[in-house]
Amino acid sequence: MTKLLILIVVVLGILAVAQLARVYELTSKLRGKREEDISPADNRMNATLMWLFPFAYFGFFLWLVLAYKDKMLPLAASTQGVETDWLMNFNWAILIVVFVITNALLFYFAGKYVFSKDRRAHWQPHDNRLELAWTIAPAIVLAVIIIYGLNSWNRITTLASPDAMRIELYARQFDWTVRYPGADGVLGATDYRLINGNNPLGIVTPQALEARLAELKLEEHATDSLLHHTVQPASKVLELEERLGYLGRMRARLVNLRNVMDQDMKANGDASAYAHGADDVVTKEFMLPVHEEVNLQIRSQDIIHSAFLPHLRVQMNAVPGMTTVIKVTPSITSDSMRTHVMKDPNFNFILLCNKICGASHYNMQLPLTVVTGNEFVAWAKEANKKPFEVPAASPAPEAALPDSAVNIVDSTSMAQAATAGH
């Protein structure tokens, strides 16, 4: 009821204002005053307001800055973040200076040069000096911004040092997985064709390759059995034939990959990328050591995602079919952020996806914990006790049919027997 009364009052107020405006318009016509005629008193009043309004205008701007300063970006927690914030603050300083000067001049001239019948405007069709001034001044400012920006960009995006720790962030709808190097300190090679339930990141190891080949052989045998030992509609037959062809091509490619891996490991030994995947640690825990440079290698299984660490000011797209990289050096531990910076015992750094990647995009969150070097070493030792493993490959049956195929064959045989009996 209260809402209805408020609505009625608002509507009546609008109608009253409209009627007052109509009355003012009619009385102006009766006095012979045209709508476009403005009296000197009105001009002087508007000019005075133009000089008074900037105090409220800039005062409100200052109030917004002070009132919402705690809603601005928190302290940058990485060396790259400090560089990013410096560049942003530099740009903000230029913008605020230009904002104050241009708006102050706008209100000053609007108030000073109030309309007067005794004054005529000076007609200036062209002035080379003015043209030169307002062309060169912005060009200089933009050149400074671009030069500083490129320097900061180059410092942030240069390749990490060879000694930097390599960590992989793997994106898929709708979660993140983290891969750490094992005891050898090197991430192993990956191949999307090895992705399955036991190897979600497609890490290449001899065991993973053999398990995947056995899995494909088993599926190929089951598909062949359905195709040649059961009665299927024409559309299903075409589907099974296409699937059988795909499985054959995939197996051939994996056999070729196995040959390449064997040759590379014989030629390069421990330097081969294929020799380092067996001890990799695949986990949902995201842990980084403070004050140590980390090279984040980012991949995607399905569509474009974006790895975003807002407190570290780090963002890089995750693109299917390629590995993107970005370096970061955390400078504040999670404990320090909780106790000294944010003053929130429940605070956590967080890894987000910054691309709208589907209906459950909001679920792509993974807490990040930044710890001291000793704490990270202790955690890594514990994590290395559970390296990546692939279950032993199961031999593919040579003659047995899958249950679905056996059921279909039995049903068909019974039908044929019944027909023969009649």
Protein backbone atom coordinates (compact mmCIF):
# COMPACT_ATOMS: atom_id res chain seq x y z
CA MET A 1 0.00 0.00 0.00
CA THR A 2 2.86 2.36 0.86
CA LYS A 3 4.47 1.80 -2.55
CA LEU A 4 1.17 2.60 -4.28
CA LEU A 5 0.80 5.87 -2.34
CA ILE A 6 4.38 6.87 -3.19
CA LEU A 7 3.71 6.14 -6.87
CA ILE A 8 0.53 8.25 -6.81
CA VAL A 9 2.36 11.17 -5.17
CA VAL A 10 5.16 11.01 -7.77
CA VAL A 11 2.68 10.96 -10.66
CA LEU A 12 0.72 13.88 -9.20
CA GLY A 13 3.98 15.84 -8.70
CA ILE A 14 4.93 15.34 -12.34
CA LEU A 15 1.49 16.47 -13.49
CA ALA A 16 1.73 19.56 -11.25
CA VAL A 17 5.12 20.52 -12.67
CA ALA A 18 3.81 20.06 -16.22
CA GLN A 19 0.82 22.30 -15.49
CA LEU A 20 3.04 25.00 -13.93
CA ALA A 21 5.25 24.97 -17.00
CA ARG A 22 2.16 25.34 -19.17
CA VAL A 23 0.93 28.29 -17.08
CA TYR A 24 4.35 29.97 -17.36
CA GLU A 25 4.31 29.51 -21.13
CA LEU A 26 0.81 31.02 -21.46
CA THR A 27 1.63 34.02 -19.25
CA SER A 28 4.78 34.69 -21.32
CA LYS A 29 2.67 34.78 -24.48
CA LEU A 30 0.19 37.19 -22.84
CA ARG A 31 3.06 39.56 -21.97
CA GLY A 32 4.29 39.39 -25.55
CA LYS A 33 7.54 37.68 -24.59
CA ARG A 34 9.03 35.20 -27.04
CA GLU A 35 10.41 31.92 -25.75
CA GLU A 36 13.86 32.60 -27.20
CA ASP A 37 14.12 36.01 -25.52
CA ILE A 38 16.23 35.91 -22.37
CA SER A 39 16.36 38.88 -20.05
CA PRO A 40 19.68 40.38 -18.86
CA ALA A 41 18.74 39.36 -15.32
CA ASP A 42 18.41 35.72 -16.38
CA ASN A 43 21.76 35.91 -18.19
CA ARG A 44 23.49 37.36 -15.11
CA MET A 45 21.93 34.72 -12.88
CA ASN A 46 23.12 31.91 -15.21
CA ALA A 47 26.60 33.43 -15.33
CA THR A 48 26.74 33.58 -11.52
CA LEU A 49 25.61 29.95 -11.29
CA MET A 50 28.34 28.97 -13.75
CA TRP A 51 30.90 30.35 -11.26
CA LEU A 52 29.25 28.71 -8.24
CA PHE A 53 28.57 25.30 -9.77
CA PRO A 54 32.29 24.24 -10.09
CA PHE A 55 32.65 24.27 -6.28
CA ALA A 56 29.87 21.67 -5.99
CA TYR A 57 31.13 19.84 -9.09
CA PHE A 58 34.74 19.41 -7.91
CA GLY A 59 33.62 18.94 -4.31
CA PHE A 60 31.44 16.01 -5.32
CA PHE A 61 34.31 14.56 -7.36
CA LEU A 62 36.61 14.78 -4.32
CA TRP A 63 33.93 13.20 -2.11
CA LEU A 64 33.60 10.25 -4.48
CA VAL A 65 37.36 9.63 -4.35
CA LEU A 66 37.44 9.75 -0.54
CA ALA A 67 34.20 7.82 0.00
CA TYR A 68 35.10 4.93 -2.31
CA LYS A 69 38.86 4.76 -1.87
CA ASP A 70 38.51 1.40 -0.09
CA LYS A 71 36.70 0.02 -3.17
CA MET A 72 39.64 0.73 -5.44
CA LEU A 73 42.31 -1.79 -6.39
CA PRO A 74 44.02 -3.37 -3.37
CA LEU A 75 47.79 -3.31 -2.98
CA ALA A 76 49.52 -5.08 -5.87
CA ALA A 77 50.96 -8.39 -4.66
CA SER A 78 53.56 -8.93 -7.40
CA THR A 79 56.47 -7.02 -8.93
CA GLN A 80 54.60 -6.91 -12.25
CA GLY A 81 51.57 -5.56 -10.40
CA VAL A 82 53.60 -2.68 -8.99
CA GLU A 83 54.71 -1.80 -12.53
CA THR A 84 51.12 -2.02 -13.81
CA ASP A 85 49.76 0.14 -11.00
CA TRP A 86 52.49 2.75 -11.53
CA LEU A 87 51.56 3.03 -15.21
CA MET A 88 47.86 3.28 -14.37
CA ASN A 89 48.46 5.95 -11.71
CA PHE A 90 50.64 7.90 -14.15
CA ASN A 91 47.79 7.93 -16.67
CA TRP A 92 45.28 8.87 -13.98
CA ALA A 93 47.46 11.83 -12.90
CA ILE A 94 47.48 13.18 -16.47
CA LEU A 95 43.72 12.64 -16.84
CA ILE A 96 42.88 14.38 -13.55
CA VAL A 97 45.07 17.39 -14.36
CA VAL A 98 43.43 17.77 -17.79
CA PHE A 99 39.98 17.17 -16.26
CA VAL A 100 40.40 19.96 -13.69
CA ILE A 101 41.92 22.49 -16.11
CA THR A 102 39.40 21.99 -18.93
CA ASN A 103 36.35 22.03 -16.66
CA ALA A 104 37.59 25.06 -14.70
CA LEU A 105 38.10 26.97 -17.96
CA LEU A 106 34.74 25.81 -19.24
CA PHE A 107 32.83 27.26 -16.28
CA TYR A 108 35.04 30.38 -16.05
CA PHE A 109 34.52 31.44 -19.66
CA ALA A 110 30.80 30.58 -19.53
CA GLY A 111 30.44 32.92 -16.57
CA LYS A 112 32.80 35.68 -17.76
CA TYR A 113 31.48 36.10 -21.26
CA VAL A 114 27.81 36.44 -20.40
CA PHE A 115 25.70 37.82 -23.25
CA SER A 116 25.79 41.59 -23.67
CA LYS A 117 24.22 43.68 -26.43
CA ASP A 118 27.13 46.11 -26.23
CA ARG A 119 29.77 43.47 -26.99
CA ARG A 120 30.48 41.75 -30.28
CA ALA A 121 32.39 38.48 -30.57
CA HIS A 122 35.75 38.61 -32.30
CA TRP A 123 35.67 36.60 -35.51
CA GLN A 124 38.88 34.53 -35.90
CA PRO A 125 38.59 32.21 -38.92
CA HIS A 126 42.09 30.74 -38.59
CA ASP A 127 45.26 30.96 -36.50
CA ASN A 128 48.28 28.81 -37.35
CA ARG A 129 49.79 29.27 -33.89
CA LEU A 130 46.64 27.96 -32.16
CA GLU A 131 46.40 25.05 -34.60
CA LEU A 132 50.04 24.20 -33.93
CA ALA A 133 49.62 24.49 -30.16
CA TRP A 134 46.60 22.20 -29.78
CA THR A 135 48.13 19.66 -32.17
CA ILE A 136 51.63 19.50 -30.67
CA ALA A 137 50.60 19.55 -26.99
CA PRO A 138 48.38 16.40 -27.14
CA ALA A 139 50.94 14.72 -29.41
CA ILE A 140 53.68 15.22 -26.81
CA VAL A 141 51.47 13.93 -23.98
CA LEU A 142 50.41 10.87 -26.01
CA ALA A 143 54.04 10.17 -26.99
CA VAL A 144 55.06 10.20 -23.32
CA ILE A 145 52.17 7.86 -22.39
CA ILE A 146 53.00 5.46 -25.26
CA ILE A 147 56.74 5.38 -24.50
CA TYR A 148 56.18 4.74 -20.79
CA GLY A 149 53.49 2.19 -21.62
CA LEU A 150 55.70 0.26 -24.06
CA ASN A 151 58.56 0.21 -21.55
CA SER A 152 56.28 -1.17 -18.85
CA TRP A 153 54.73 -3.68 -21.27
CA ASN A 154 58.15 -4.93 -22.35
CA ARG A 155 59.29 -5.36 -18.74
CA ILE A 156 56.12 -7.26 -17.86
CA THR A 157 55.96 -9.52 -20.92
CA THR A 158 59.62 -10.39 -21.50
CA LEU A 159 60.46 -14.06 -21.23
CA ALA A 160 61.13 -15.41 -17.77
CA SER A 161 64.70 -16.25 -16.84
CA PRO A 162 65.91 -19.83 -17.50
CA ASP A 163 65.97 -20.45 -13.75
CA ALA A 164 62.29 -19.52 -13.28
CA MET A 165 59.95 -22.24 -12.07
CA ARG A 166 57.64 -23.61 -14.77
CA ILE A 167 54.02 -24.20 -13.75
CA GLU A 168 51.11 -25.06 -16.04
CA LEU A 169 47.57 -23.75 -15.68
CA TYR A 170 45.12 -25.92 -17.60
CA ALA A 171 41.67 -24.53 -18.37
CA ARG A 172 38.54 -26.35 -19.40
CA GLN A 173 34.83 -25.82 -18.93
CA PHE A 174 34.47 -25.13 -16.06
CA ASP A 175 37.54 -25.56 -13.85
CA TRP A 176 41.29 -25.11 -13.54
CA THR A 177 43.98 -27.76 -13.07
CA VAL A 178 47.57 -27.03 -12.06
CA ARG A 179 50.62 -29.06 -13.12
CA TYR A 180 53.94 -28.81 -11.30
CA PRO A 181 57.24 -30.35 -12.39
CA GLY A 182 58.35 -33.33 -10.33
CA ALA A 183 61.72 -34.00 -8.77
CA ASP A 184 63.48 -33.36 -12.11
CA GLY A 185 62.18 -29.78 -12.15
CA VAL A 186 60.96 -30.01 -15.77
CA LEU A 187 57.41 -30.24 -17.12
CA GLY A 188 56.88 -33.15 -19.47
CA ALA A 189 55.50 -32.97 -23.01
CA THR A 190 51.75 -33.09 -23.64
CA ASP A 191 49.51 -34.17 -26.51
CA TYR A 192 45.75 -33.64 -26.66
CA ARG A 193 45.27 -37.09 -28.25
CA LEU A 194 46.24 -38.71 -24.94
CA ILE A 195 43.50 -36.96 -22.95
CA ASN A 196 41.18 -39.39 -21.20
CA GLY A 197 39.76 -39.99 -17.73
CA ASN A 198 43.11 -41.07 -16.31
CA ASN A 199 45.16 -38.42 -18.13
CA PRO A 200 43.09 -35.21 -18.22
CA LEU A 201 46.03 -33.06 -19.33
CA GLY A 202 47.35 -35.41 -22.04
CA ILE A 203 50.82 -35.84 -20.47
CA VAL A 204 53.06 -37.92 -22.74
CA THR A 205 54.71 -40.91 -21.08
CA PRO A 206 55.30 -44.43 -22.45
CA GLN A 207 52.72 -45.79 -20.01
CA ALA A 208 50.13 -43.15 -20.94
CA LEU A 209 50.72 -43.77 -24.64
CA GLU A 210 50.31 -47.55 -24.35
CA ALA A 211 47.21 -47.16 -22.16
CA ARG A 212 45.64 -44.81 -24.70
CA LEU A 213 46.46 -47.16 -27.60
CA ALA A 214 44.91 -50.07 -25.69
CA GLU A 215 41.83 -47.95 -24.96
CA LEU A 216 41.43 -47.05 -28.62
CA LYS A 217 41.94 -50.67 -29.67
CA LEU A 218 39.26 -51.80 -27.23
CA GLU A 219 36.80 -49.20 -28.53
CA GLU A 220 37.71 -50.07 -32.11
CA HIS A 221 37.00 -53.76 -31.42
CA ALA A 222 33.66 -52.97 -29.77
CA THR A 223 32.63 -50.68 -32.66
CA ASP A 224 33.63 -53.30 -35.22
CA SER A 225 31.60 -55.92 -33.35
CA LEU A 226 28.51 -53.73 -33.35
CA LEU A 227 28.97 -53.01 -37.04
CA HIS A 228 29.46 -56.59 -38.25
CA HIS A 229 27.65 -58.74 -35.68
CA THR A 230 24.45 -56.83 -35.05
CA VAL A 231 21.55 -55.55 -37.10
CA GLN A 232 21.62 -51.74 -37.23
CA PRO A 233 19.64 -49.10 -39.17
CA ALA A 234 21.41 -47.48 -42.12
CA SER A 235 22.05 -44.20 -40.26
CA LYS A 236 23.64 -46.08 -37.37
CA VAL A 237 25.78 -48.16 -39.76
CA LEU A 238 27.14 -44.93 -41.31
CA GLU A 239 27.85 -43.52 -37.86
CA LEU A 240 29.71 -46.68 -36.80
CA GLU A 241 31.74 -46.73 -40.01
CA GLU A 242 32.79 -43.10 -39.50
CA ARG A 243 33.70 -43.81 -35.89
CA LEU A 244 35.71 -46.87 -36.91
CA GLY A 245 37.64 -44.80 -39.44
CA TYR A 246 38.34 -42.10 -36.85
CA LEU A 247 39.62 -44.65 -34.33
CA GLY A 248 41.91 -46.18 -36.93
CA ARG A 249 43.36 -42.79 -37.85
CA MET A 250 43.83 -41.85 -34.21
CA ARG A 251 45.65 -45.10 -33.46
CA ALA A 252 47.93 -44.58 -36.45
CA ARG A 253 48.82 -41.08 -35.27
CA LEU A 254 49.57 -42.30 -31.77
CA VAL A 255 51.78 -45.05 -33.16
CA ASN A 256 53.62 -42.34 -35.08
CA LEU A 257 53.89 -40.30 -31.85
CA ARG A 258 55.36 -43.35 -30.10
CA ASN A 259 58.00 -43.68 -32.82
CA VAL A 260 58.84 -39.98 -32.55
CA MET A 261 59.07 -40.24 -28.75
CA ASP A 262 61.34 -43.31 -28.92
CA GLN A 263 63.65 -41.64 -31.43
CA ASP A 264 63.78 -38.37 -29.46
CA MET A 265 64.53 -40.14 -26.18
CA LYS A 266 67.29 -42.20 -27.82
CA ALA A 267 68.82 -39.10 -29.40
CA ASN A 268 68.52 -36.69 -26.45
CA GLY A 269 68.28 -38.89 -23.38
CA ASP A 270 67.28 -36.90 -20.29
CA ALA A 271 67.14 -33.71 -22.37
CA SER A 272 64.11 -35.07 -24.24
CA ALA A 273 60.80 -33.45 -23.30
CA TYR A 274 59.23 -36.91 -23.37
CA ALA A 275 61.44 -38.07 -20.46
CA HIS A 276 60.00 -35.74 -17.82
CA GLY A 277 56.24 -36.31 -17.66
CA ALA A 278 56.13 -39.36 -15.39
CA ASP A 279 56.90 -37.44 -12.19
CA ASP A 280 54.76 -34.35 -12.91
CA VAL A 281 52.27 -33.42 -10.19
CA VAL A 282 48.69 -32.76 -11.35
CA THR A 283 46.63 -31.09 -8.64
CA LYS A 284 43.80 -28.72 -7.82
CA GLU A 285 46.02 -26.88 -5.33
CA PHE A 286 47.59 -23.65 -6.61
CA MET A 287 50.65 -22.70 -4.57
CA LEU A 288 53.37 -20.16 -5.38
CA PRO A 289 56.55 -19.16 -3.51
CA VAL A 290 56.99 -15.49 -2.62
CA HIS A 291 59.83 -13.46 -4.23
CA GLU A 292 60.52 -16.20 -6.81
CA GLU A 293 59.94 -15.75 -10.53
CA VAL A 294 57.41 -18.17 -11.98
CA ASN A 295 56.74 -18.86 -15.65
CA LEU A 296 53.03 -19.68 -16.02
CA GLN A 297 52.33 -21.87 -19.06
CA ILE A 298 48.64 -21.73 -19.92
CA ARG A 299 46.62 -24.18 -22.04
CA SER A 300 42.95 -24.77 -22.80
CA GLN A 301 41.17 -28.03 -23.59
CA ASP A 302 38.05 -26.67 -25.26
CA ILE A 303 37.45 -22.94 -25.87
CA ILE A 304 39.19 -19.64 -25.15
CA HIS A 305 39.52 -18.93 -21.44
CA SER A 306 41.65 -16.33 -19.65
CA ALA A 307 43.83 -16.85 -16.57
CA PHE A 308 43.30 -13.79 -14.36
CA LEU A 309 44.98 -13.18 -11.00
CA PRO A 310 43.55 -9.76 -10.03
CA HIS A 311 45.66 -9.16 -6.92
CA LEU A 312 48.83 -10.03 -8.83
CA ARG A 313 47.69 -7.98 -11.87
CA VAL A 314 48.28 -10.96 -14.17
CA GLN A 315 46.11 -11.94 -17.12
CA MET A 316 46.75 -14.14 -20.15
CA ASN A 317 44.39 -15.88 -22.58
CA ALA A 318 44.19 -19.67 -22.63
CA VAL A 319 43.83 -20.64 -26.29
CA PRO A 320 43.06 -24.17 -27.54
CA GLY A 321 45.87 -25.67 -29.58
CA MET A 322 48.67 -23.48 -28.22
CA THR A 323 50.54 -22.66 -25.02
CA THR A 324 50.60 -19.04 -23.87
CA VAL A 325 53.06 -17.87 -21.23
CA ILE A 326 53.39 -15.03 -18.76
CA LYS A 327 55.80 -14.51 -15.88
CA VAL A 328 54.97 -13.36 -12.37
CA THR A 329 56.91 -12.78 -9.17
CA PRO A 330 54.65 -12.74 -6.08
CA SER A 331 55.78 -10.16 -3.54
CA ILE A 332 53.32 -10.63 -0.64
CA THR A 333 52.35 -13.89 1.05
CA SER A 334 48.73 -14.85 1.67
CA ASP A 335 49.27 -14.55 5.44
CA SER A 336 50.62 -11.00 5.09
CA MET A 337 47.66 -10.01 2.92
CA ARG A 338 45.27 -11.38 5.54
CA THR A 339 46.89 -9.76 8.56
CA HIS A 340 48.47 -6.52 7.32
CA VAL A 341 46.93 -5.48 3.99
CA MET A 342 43.31 -6.63 3.76
CA LYS A 343 42.87 -7.24 7.52
CA ASP A 344 40.59 -10.14 6.65
CA PRO A 345 41.40 -13.62 8.06
CA ASN A 346 39.32 -15.24 5.29
CA PHE A 347 41.13 -13.50 2.41
CA ASN A 348 42.53 -15.64 -0.42
CA PHE A 349 44.21 -14.81 -3.68
CA ILE A 350 42.10 -16.23 -6.49
CA LEU A 351 42.53 -17.44 -10.05
CA LEU A 352 39.58 -16.49 -12.26
CA CYS A 353 38.56 -16.94 -15.87
CA ASN A 354 38.20 -13.52 -17.50
CA LYS A 355 36.35 -14.75 -20.59
CA ILE A 356 32.64 -15.53 -20.52
CA CYS A 357 33.09 -19.19 -21.44
CA GLY A 358 29.63 -20.64 -20.90
CA ALA A 359 26.73 -21.06 -18.50
CA SER A 360 28.96 -22.05 -15.55
CA HIS A 361 31.69 -19.48 -16.24
CA TYR A 362 31.35 -18.20 -12.66
CA ASN A 363 32.55 -21.61 -11.39
CA MET A 364 36.02 -21.17 -12.87
CA GLN A 365 37.68 -20.11 -9.64
CA LEU A 366 40.70 -21.58 -7.91
CA PRO A 367 42.23 -20.25 -4.66
CA LEU A 368 45.91 -19.29 -4.83
CA THR A 369 48.15 -19.51 -1.78
CA VAL A 370 51.43 -17.58 -1.75
CA VAL A 371 53.84 -18.91 0.87
CA THR A 372 57.45 -18.50 1.92
CA GLY A 373 60.17 -20.43 0.13
CA ASN A 374 60.57 -22.97 2.95
CA GLU A 375 56.81 -23.57 3.13
CA PHE A 376 56.68 -24.12 -0.62
CA VAL A 377 59.58 -26.59 -0.51
CA ALA A 378 57.80 -28.57 2.23
CA TRP A 379 54.55 -28.57 0.25
CA ALA A 380 56.35 -29.59 -2.97
CA LYS A 381 58.03 -32.54 -1.21
CA GLU A 382 54.64 -33.75 -0.02
CA ALA A 383 53.09 -33.22 -3.46
CA ASN A 384 55.94 -35.12 -5.16
CA LYS A 385 54.91 -38.22 -3.24
CA LYS A 386 51.82 -38.32 -5.46
CA PRO A 387 53.16 -37.85 -9.02
CA PHE A 388 51.17 -38.34 -12.19
CA GLU A 389 50.41 -42.00 -12.83
CA VAL A 390 48.51 -43.86 -15.54
CA PRO A 391 46.99 -47.25 -14.70
CA ALA A 392 48.47 -50.18 -16.58
CA ALA A 393 46.88 -50.79 -19.96
CA SER A 394 44.27 -53.53 -20.09
CA PRO A 395 44.63 -55.94 -23.01
CA ALA A 396 41.93 -55.61 -25.62
CA PRO A 397 39.75 -58.73 -26.01
CA GLU A 398 40.23 -60.55 -29.27
CA ALA A 399 36.93 -62.39 -29.57
CA ALA A 400 34.51 -61.26 -26.89
CA LEU A 401 31.72 -58.89 -27.80
CA PRO A 402 30.58 -56.01 -25.59
CA ASP A 403 27.46 -56.68 -23.53
CA SER A 404 25.33 -54.46 -25.75
CA ALA A 405 26.44 -56.34 -28.86
CA VAL A 406 25.83 -59.76 -27.21
CA ASN A 407 22.33 -58.72 -26.21
CA ILE A 408 21.54 -57.53 -29.73
CA VAL A 409 22.99 -60.72 -31.29
CA ASP A 410 20.98 -62.94 -28.90
CA SER A 411 17.77 -61.04 -29.65
CA THR A 412 18.36 -61.32 -33.40
CA SER A 413 19.09 -65.08 -33.17
CA MET A 414 15.93 -65.69 -31.16
CA ALA A 415 13.87 -63.77 -33.69
CA GLN A 416 15.37 -65.74 -36.59
CA ALA A 417 14.72 -69.03 -34.74
CA ALA A 418 11.12 -68.09 -34.08
CA THR A 419 10.62 -67.20 -37.76
CA ALA A 420 12.15 -70.54 -38.85
CA GLY A 421 9.86 -72.46 -36.45
CA HIS A 422 6.78 -70.96 -38.05
